[in-house]
Structure formats: C-alpha cells, structure tokens
Amino acid sequence: MNQLLLNKITVYSQQNGFRQVNKRVTVAMALSQFTEGVDGDSLWLFLRNERFQISRGTVYLALKWLIKSGIANRKVRDDRVCIFSIRPL
C-alpha cells in the first residue's frame, strides 16, 4: 500500500470534514498502480477482477472526490474518453 497516498487522503479528509471511506482509498490505491492513467470503466473492471465488490458508480464518485481533493488528475483524450491518474506526491 502506498503510505504517502494514504496519508494524503487522511489529511485531506480530516481537514475538510470528510469520513475516510475505504472505497475511496481502494480506488485511489488501484489508480496509483496505473502509470499511464486509466479510464473509469477499465479501473472498475480491474477492481472487479481483483475481487472487490464495488459498483461502477462508486468508482466514478470516488474519482470525482479524488479530483476535487487534488489527489488525482483527469484528462480528456481526443476520442472524449476521460483518463484518470494520481498526481505526483
């Protein structure tokens, strides 16, 4: 587990009055495994293949939260697919 990423999520959650939700952490940790970034559906499939019980909607809500918190980036490719990645820590 990436301890720096976990610390960043914990600090942001505490400073902004959010509960630290395990599914957000799970999505962030999975996202950090993709060096080139990944689209939301592929990330969801990756998590499902790793035997996590998580819905597609939960993955996208977690990605939205990670972007708003400044932990993740979102880029839109020419084919209008959003690619998500963890910002450098």
N, C-alpha and C. Protein backbone atom coordinates (compact mmCIF):
# COMPACT_ATOMS: atom_id res chain seq x y z
N MET A 1 0.84 -1.18 0.00
CA MET A 1 0.00 0.00 0.00
C MET A 1 0.88 1.24 0.00
N ASN A 2 0.51 2.22 -0.75
CA ASN A 2 1.26 3.45 -0.86
C ASN A 2 0.95 4.34 0.35
N GLN A 3 1.85 4.37 1.32
CA GLN A 3 1.62 5.09 2.58
C GLN A 3 1.49 6.60 2.36
N LEU A 4 2.26 7.16 1.43
CA LEU A 4 2.15 8.61 1.16
C LEU A 4 0.78 8.97 0.64
N LEU A 5 0.25 8.15 -0.24
CA LEU A 5 -1.08 8.40 -0.80
C LEU A 5 -2.14 8.27 0.29
N LEU A 6 -2.03 7.25 1.12
CA LEU A 6 -2.96 7.07 2.23
C LEU A 6 -2.92 8.26 3.19
N ASN A 7 -1.71 8.74 3.49
CA ASN A 7 -1.58 9.91 4.37
C ASN A 7 -2.22 11.14 3.76
N LYS A 8 -2.04 11.34 2.47
CA LYS A 8 -2.62 12.49 1.79
C LYS A 8 -4.16 12.44 1.85
N ILE A 9 -4.73 11.28 1.63
CA ILE A 9 -6.19 11.12 1.70
C ILE A 9 -6.67 11.38 3.13
N THR A 10 -5.96 10.84 4.11
CA THR A 10 -6.33 11.01 5.51
C THR A 10 -6.30 12.48 5.92
N VAL A 11 -5.23 13.17 5.57
CA VAL A 11 -5.10 14.59 5.92
C VAL A 11 -6.20 15.41 5.25
N TYR A 12 -6.42 15.18 3.96
CA TYR A 12 -7.47 15.94 3.26
C TYR A 12 -8.84 15.68 3.89
N SER A 13 -9.12 14.43 4.21
CA SER A 13 -10.41 14.07 4.81
C SER A 13 -10.59 14.76 6.16
N GLN A 14 -9.56 14.74 6.99
CA GLN A 14 -9.65 15.36 8.31
C GLN A 14 -9.80 16.87 8.21
N GLN A 15 -9.04 17.49 7.32
CA GLN A 15 -9.08 18.95 7.20
C GLN A 15 -10.40 19.46 6.63
N ASN A 16 -11.09 18.63 5.87
CA ASN A 16 -12.31 19.08 5.20
C ASN A 16 -13.58 18.41 5.74
N GLY A 17 -13.46 17.71 6.84
CA GLY A 17 -14.62 17.14 7.50
C GLY A 17 -15.25 15.94 6.80
N PHE A 18 -14.46 15.20 6.04
CA PHE A 18 -14.95 14.00 5.37
C PHE A 18 -14.59 12.77 6.19
N ARG A 19 -15.44 11.77 6.13
CA ARG A 19 -15.07 10.48 6.68
C ARG A 19 -14.08 9.83 5.70
N GLN A 20 -13.16 9.09 6.24
CA GLN A 20 -12.25 8.35 5.36
C GLN A 20 -12.94 7.06 4.96
N VAL A 21 -13.44 7.03 3.75
CA VAL A 21 -14.21 5.88 3.26
C VAL A 21 -13.25 4.89 2.60
N ASN A 22 -13.36 3.63 3.00
CA ASN A 22 -12.44 2.61 2.49
C ASN A 22 -12.52 2.47 0.97
N LYS A 23 -13.69 2.67 0.39
CA LYS A 23 -13.80 2.50 -1.06
C LYS A 23 -13.05 3.60 -1.80
N ARG A 24 -13.01 4.82 -1.25
CA ARG A 24 -12.20 5.88 -1.86
C ARG A 24 -10.73 5.50 -1.83
N VAL A 25 -10.30 4.97 -0.70
CA VAL A 25 -8.91 4.54 -0.56
C VAL A 25 -8.61 3.41 -1.54
N THR A 26 -9.53 2.47 -1.66
CA THR A 26 -9.36 1.34 -2.58
C THR A 26 -9.21 1.83 -4.01
N VAL A 27 -10.07 2.77 -4.42
CA VAL A 27 -10.00 3.31 -5.78
C VAL A 27 -8.68 4.05 -5.97
N ALA A 28 -8.27 4.84 -4.99
CA ALA A 28 -7.01 5.59 -5.11
C ALA A 28 -5.82 4.65 -5.22
N MET A 29 -5.81 3.61 -4.42
CA MET A 29 -4.69 2.66 -4.46
C MET A 29 -4.65 1.92 -5.80
N ALA A 30 -5.81 1.55 -6.30
CA ALA A 30 -5.85 0.88 -7.61
C ALA A 30 -5.40 1.84 -8.70
N LEU A 31 -5.85 3.09 -8.63
CA LEU A 31 -5.48 4.08 -9.63
C LEU A 31 -3.97 4.32 -9.63
N SER A 32 -3.37 4.26 -8.47
CA SER A 32 -1.93 4.51 -8.37
C SER A 32 -1.10 3.41 -9.04
N GLN A 33 -1.71 2.28 -9.33
CA GLN A 33 -0.99 1.19 -10.00
C GLN A 33 -0.85 1.40 -11.51
N PHE A 34 -1.58 2.36 -12.06
CA PHE A 34 -1.54 2.64 -13.50
C PHE A 34 -0.65 3.84 -13.75
N THR A 35 0.51 3.62 -14.32
CA THR A 35 1.46 4.72 -14.52
C THR A 35 1.03 5.66 -15.65
N GLU A 36 0.32 5.15 -16.63
CA GLU A 36 -0.10 5.95 -17.77
C GLU A 36 -1.49 6.54 -17.59
N GLY A 37 -2.16 6.21 -16.50
CA GLY A 37 -3.55 6.63 -16.32
C GLY A 37 -4.48 5.58 -16.89
N VAL A 38 -5.76 5.70 -16.55
CA VAL A 38 -6.74 4.70 -16.95
C VAL A 38 -8.11 5.34 -17.00
N ASP A 39 -8.98 4.81 -17.86
CA ASP A 39 -10.36 5.32 -17.89
C ASP A 39 -11.14 4.66 -16.75
N GLY A 40 -12.25 5.26 -16.37
CA GLY A 40 -13.03 4.81 -15.23
C GLY A 40 -13.56 3.39 -15.37
N ASP A 41 -14.04 3.03 -16.55
CA ASP A 41 -14.57 1.68 -16.74
C ASP A 41 -13.49 0.62 -16.62
N SER A 42 -12.31 0.90 -17.15
CA SER A 42 -11.20 -0.06 -17.04
C SER A 42 -10.75 -0.20 -15.59
N LEU A 43 -10.77 0.90 -14.85
CA LEU A 43 -10.42 0.85 -13.44
C LEU A 43 -11.44 0.01 -12.68
N TRP A 44 -12.72 0.19 -12.98
CA TRP A 44 -13.77 -0.60 -12.35
C TRP A 44 -13.58 -2.09 -12.64
N LEU A 45 -13.30 -2.42 -13.91
CA LEU A 45 -13.08 -3.82 -14.28
C LEU A 45 -11.85 -4.40 -13.57
N PHE A 46 -10.81 -3.60 -13.45
CA PHE A 46 -9.61 -4.03 -12.72
C PHE A 46 -9.96 -4.38 -11.28
N LEU A 47 -10.73 -3.50 -10.63
CA LEU A 47 -11.13 -3.75 -9.24
C LEU A 47 -12.00 -4.99 -9.12
N ARG A 48 -12.93 -5.15 -10.05
CA ARG A 48 -13.79 -6.34 -10.02
C ARG A 48 -12.97 -7.61 -10.22
N ASN A 49 -12.00 -7.57 -11.11
CA ASN A 49 -11.13 -8.74 -11.34
C ASN A 49 -10.26 -9.04 -10.12
N GLU A 50 -10.00 -8.02 -9.31
CA GLU A 50 -9.24 -8.21 -8.07
C GLU A 50 -10.15 -8.62 -6.92
N ARG A 51 -11.40 -8.90 -7.23
CA ARG A 51 -12.40 -9.42 -6.28
C ARG A 51 -12.93 -8.37 -5.30
N PHE A 52 -12.89 -7.09 -5.68
CA PHE A 52 -13.51 -6.05 -4.86
C PHE A 52 -14.97 -5.92 -5.26
N GLN A 53 -15.84 -5.89 -4.28
CA GLN A 53 -17.27 -5.68 -4.52
C GLN A 53 -17.52 -4.17 -4.53
N ILE A 54 -17.50 -3.59 -5.70
CA ILE A 54 -17.65 -2.14 -5.85
C ILE A 54 -18.43 -1.88 -7.13
N SER A 55 -19.32 -0.91 -7.08
CA SER A 55 -20.12 -0.59 -8.26
C SER A 55 -19.38 0.41 -9.14
N ARG A 56 -19.79 0.47 -10.37
CA ARG A 56 -19.21 1.43 -11.32
C ARG A 56 -19.45 2.86 -10.82
N GLY A 57 -20.65 3.10 -10.31
CA GLY A 57 -21.00 4.43 -9.79
C GLY A 57 -20.11 4.84 -8.63
N THR A 58 -19.81 3.90 -7.75
CA THR A 58 -18.93 4.19 -6.62
C THR A 58 -17.53 4.54 -7.09
N VAL A 59 -17.06 3.85 -8.11
CA VAL A 59 -15.74 4.17 -8.67
C VAL A 59 -15.73 5.59 -9.21
N TYR A 60 -16.75 5.97 -9.97
CA TYR A 60 -16.79 7.31 -10.54
C TYR A 60 -16.96 8.39 -9.46
N LEU A 61 -17.74 8.11 -8.42
CA LEU A 61 -17.87 9.07 -7.31
C LEU A 61 -16.53 9.24 -6.59
N ALA A 62 -15.82 8.13 -6.39
CA ALA A 62 -14.51 8.21 -5.75
C ALA A 62 -13.53 8.99 -6.62
N LEU A 63 -13.57 8.76 -7.93
CA LEU A 63 -12.69 9.51 -8.84
C LEU A 63 -13.00 11.01 -8.79
N LYS A 64 -14.28 11.35 -8.76
CA LYS A 64 -14.68 12.76 -8.66
C LYS A 64 -14.15 13.38 -7.38
N TRP A 65 -14.27 12.65 -6.26
CA TRP A 65 -13.78 13.13 -4.98
C TRP A 65 -12.25 13.29 -5.02
N LEU A 66 -11.56 12.33 -5.61
CA LEU A 66 -10.09 12.40 -5.70
C LEU A 66 -9.64 13.59 -6.54
N ILE A 67 -10.37 13.90 -7.60
CA ILE A 67 -10.03 15.06 -8.42
C ILE A 67 -10.26 16.35 -7.65
N LYS A 68 -11.41 16.44 -6.98
CA LYS A 68 -11.75 17.64 -6.22
C LYS A 68 -10.74 17.86 -5.09
N SER A 69 -10.24 16.79 -4.51
CA SER A 69 -9.28 16.89 -3.42
C SER A 69 -7.87 17.23 -3.90
N GLY A 70 -7.65 17.15 -5.21
CA GLY A 70 -6.33 17.44 -5.76
C GLY A 70 -5.39 16.25 -5.75
N ILE A 71 -5.91 15.08 -5.45
CA ILE A 71 -5.09 13.88 -5.39
C ILE A 71 -4.95 13.23 -6.77
N ALA A 72 -5.96 13.41 -7.61
CA ALA A 72 -5.95 12.79 -8.94
C ALA A 72 -6.14 13.85 -10.03
N ASN A 73 -5.78 13.49 -11.23
CA ASN A 73 -5.97 14.32 -12.42
C ASN A 73 -6.96 13.66 -13.36
N ARG A 74 -7.61 14.48 -14.17
CA ARG A 74 -8.47 13.95 -15.23
C ARG A 74 -8.09 14.67 -16.52
N LYS A 75 -7.83 13.90 -17.55
CA LYS A 75 -7.55 14.44 -18.88
C LYS A 75 -8.54 13.84 -19.85
N VAL A 76 -8.96 14.62 -20.82
CA VAL A 76 -9.89 14.15 -21.84
C VAL A 76 -9.10 13.92 -23.12
N ARG A 77 -9.14 12.68 -23.62
CA ARG A 77 -8.46 12.35 -24.87
C ARG A 77 -9.25 12.91 -26.05
N ASP A 78 -8.67 12.83 -27.23
CA ASP A 78 -9.33 13.29 -28.45
C ASP A 78 -10.62 12.53 -28.73
N ASP A 79 -10.70 11.28 -28.30
CA ASP A 79 -11.91 10.49 -28.52
C ASP A 79 -12.94 10.70 -27.40
N ARG A 80 -12.72 11.74 -26.57
CA ARG A 80 -13.63 12.17 -25.50
C ARG A 80 -13.73 11.19 -24.34
N VAL A 81 -12.73 10.36 -24.17
CA VAL A 81 -12.66 9.45 -23.04
C VAL A 81 -11.82 10.12 -21.96
N CYS A 82 -12.31 10.12 -20.73
CA CYS A 82 -11.58 10.71 -19.61
C CYS A 82 -10.57 9.69 -19.07
N ILE A 83 -9.35 10.16 -18.88
CA ILE A 83 -8.27 9.35 -18.34
C ILE A 83 -7.90 9.92 -16.97
N PHE A 84 -7.85 9.06 -15.99
CA PHE A 84 -7.57 9.47 -14.62
C PHE A 84 -6.20 8.96 -14.20
N SER A 85 -5.53 9.76 -13.38
CA SER A 85 -4.22 9.34 -12.85
C SER A 85 -4.01 10.04 -11.51
N ILE A 86 -3.13 9.48 -10.71
CA ILE A 86 -2.76 10.07 -9.42
C ILE A 86 -1.72 11.15 -9.70
N ARG A 87 -1.92 12.29 -9.06
CA ARG A 87 -0.91 13.36 -9.18
C ARG A 87 0.37 12.92 -8.45
N PRO A 88 1.49 13.39 -8.92
CA PRO A 88 2.75 13.06 -8.21
C PRO A 88 2.70 13.56 -6.78
N LEU A 89 3.15 12.71 -5.86
CA LEU A 89 3.08 13.06 -4.43
C LEU A 89 4.28 13.85 -3.99
